[in-house]
Amino acid sequence: MADVIPLQRRQRRQRKREGDTLCRAGRHRWEVVTESRFDVREGRLMTVLRCSRCGRERTERR
């Protein structure tokens, strides 16, 4: 019997279903974290944002 090799197309479809392809392209879906809505650093008001797809966090100055 021959070995079965997975096709690249199938792997791409699987990644699209997982929903992280947009995040890898830099198109995150940012939402405000409500547990710590505002944080003060260096005398400036900071908002914590989290991507709903991949869970990556970033801060935004206001």
Protein backbone atom coordinates (compact mmCIF):
# COMPACT_ATOMS: atom_id res chain seq x y z
CA MET A 1 0.00 0.00 0.00
CA ALA A 2 1.08 3.55 -0.66
CA ASP A 3 1.37 6.25 1.98
CA VAL A 4 -1.40 8.85 1.94
CA ILE A 5 -0.11 12.43 1.73
CA PRO A 6 -2.43 15.19 3.03
CA LEU A 7 -3.25 17.86 0.48
CA GLN A 8 -2.39 21.51 1.10
CA ARG A 9 -5.90 22.55 0.13
CA ARG A 10 -7.42 20.51 2.94
CA GLN A 11 -5.07 22.09 5.50
CA ARG A 12 -5.95 25.60 4.32
CA ARG A 13 -9.66 24.85 4.62
CA GLN A 14 -9.16 23.50 8.12
CA ARG A 15 -7.30 26.66 9.19
CA LYS A 16 -10.09 28.83 7.77
CA ARG A 17 -12.61 26.92 9.86
CA GLU A 18 -10.53 27.55 12.97
CA GLY A 19 -10.79 31.28 12.30
CA ASP A 20 -7.18 32.29 12.86
CA THR A 21 -6.28 33.05 9.23
CA LEU A 22 -7.60 36.59 9.52
CA CYS A 23 -5.59 37.18 12.68
CA ARG A 24 -2.38 35.95 11.06
CA ALA A 25 -2.99 38.49 8.30
CA GLY A 26 -3.28 41.27 10.91
CA ARG A 27 -7.06 41.60 10.83
CA HIS A 28 -7.99 41.04 14.47
CA ARG A 29 -11.45 41.53 15.95
CA TRP A 30 -10.64 43.76 18.94
CA GLU A 31 -13.05 43.96 21.89
CA VAL A 32 -12.70 45.93 25.12
CA VAL A 33 -11.84 43.78 28.14
CA THR A 34 -14.53 44.53 30.71
CA GLU A 35 -12.68 43.05 33.72
CA SER A 36 -10.10 45.83 33.62
CA ARG A 37 -11.68 48.41 31.38
CA PHE A 38 -9.25 51.19 32.26
CA ASP A 39 -5.68 51.09 33.51
CA VAL A 40 -3.43 54.02 34.37
CA ARG A 41 0.20 53.90 33.26
CA GLU A 42 2.57 56.82 33.28
CA GLY A 43 -0.30 59.17 34.07
CA ARG A 44 -2.25 58.20 30.93
CA LEU A 45 -5.52 56.34 30.62
CA MET A 46 -5.08 52.93 28.94
CA THR A 47 -7.74 50.63 27.49
CA VAL A 48 -7.06 46.89 27.27
CA LEU A 49 -8.28 45.23 24.05
CA ARG A 50 -8.48 41.47 23.33
CA CYS A 51 -9.03 39.71 19.99
CA SER A 52 -12.12 37.52 20.17
CA ARG A 53 -10.65 35.03 17.66
CA CYS A 54 -7.11 34.37 18.86
CA GLY A 55 -6.99 35.92 22.35
CA ARG A 56 -4.12 38.34 21.68
CA GLU A 57 -4.14 41.47 23.87
CA ARG A 58 -3.05 45.04 23.24
CA THR A 59 -3.37 48.37 25.00
CA GLU A 60 -4.61 51.61 23.56
CA ARG A 61 -3.82 55.08 24.87
CA ARG A 62 -6.65 57.50 25.34
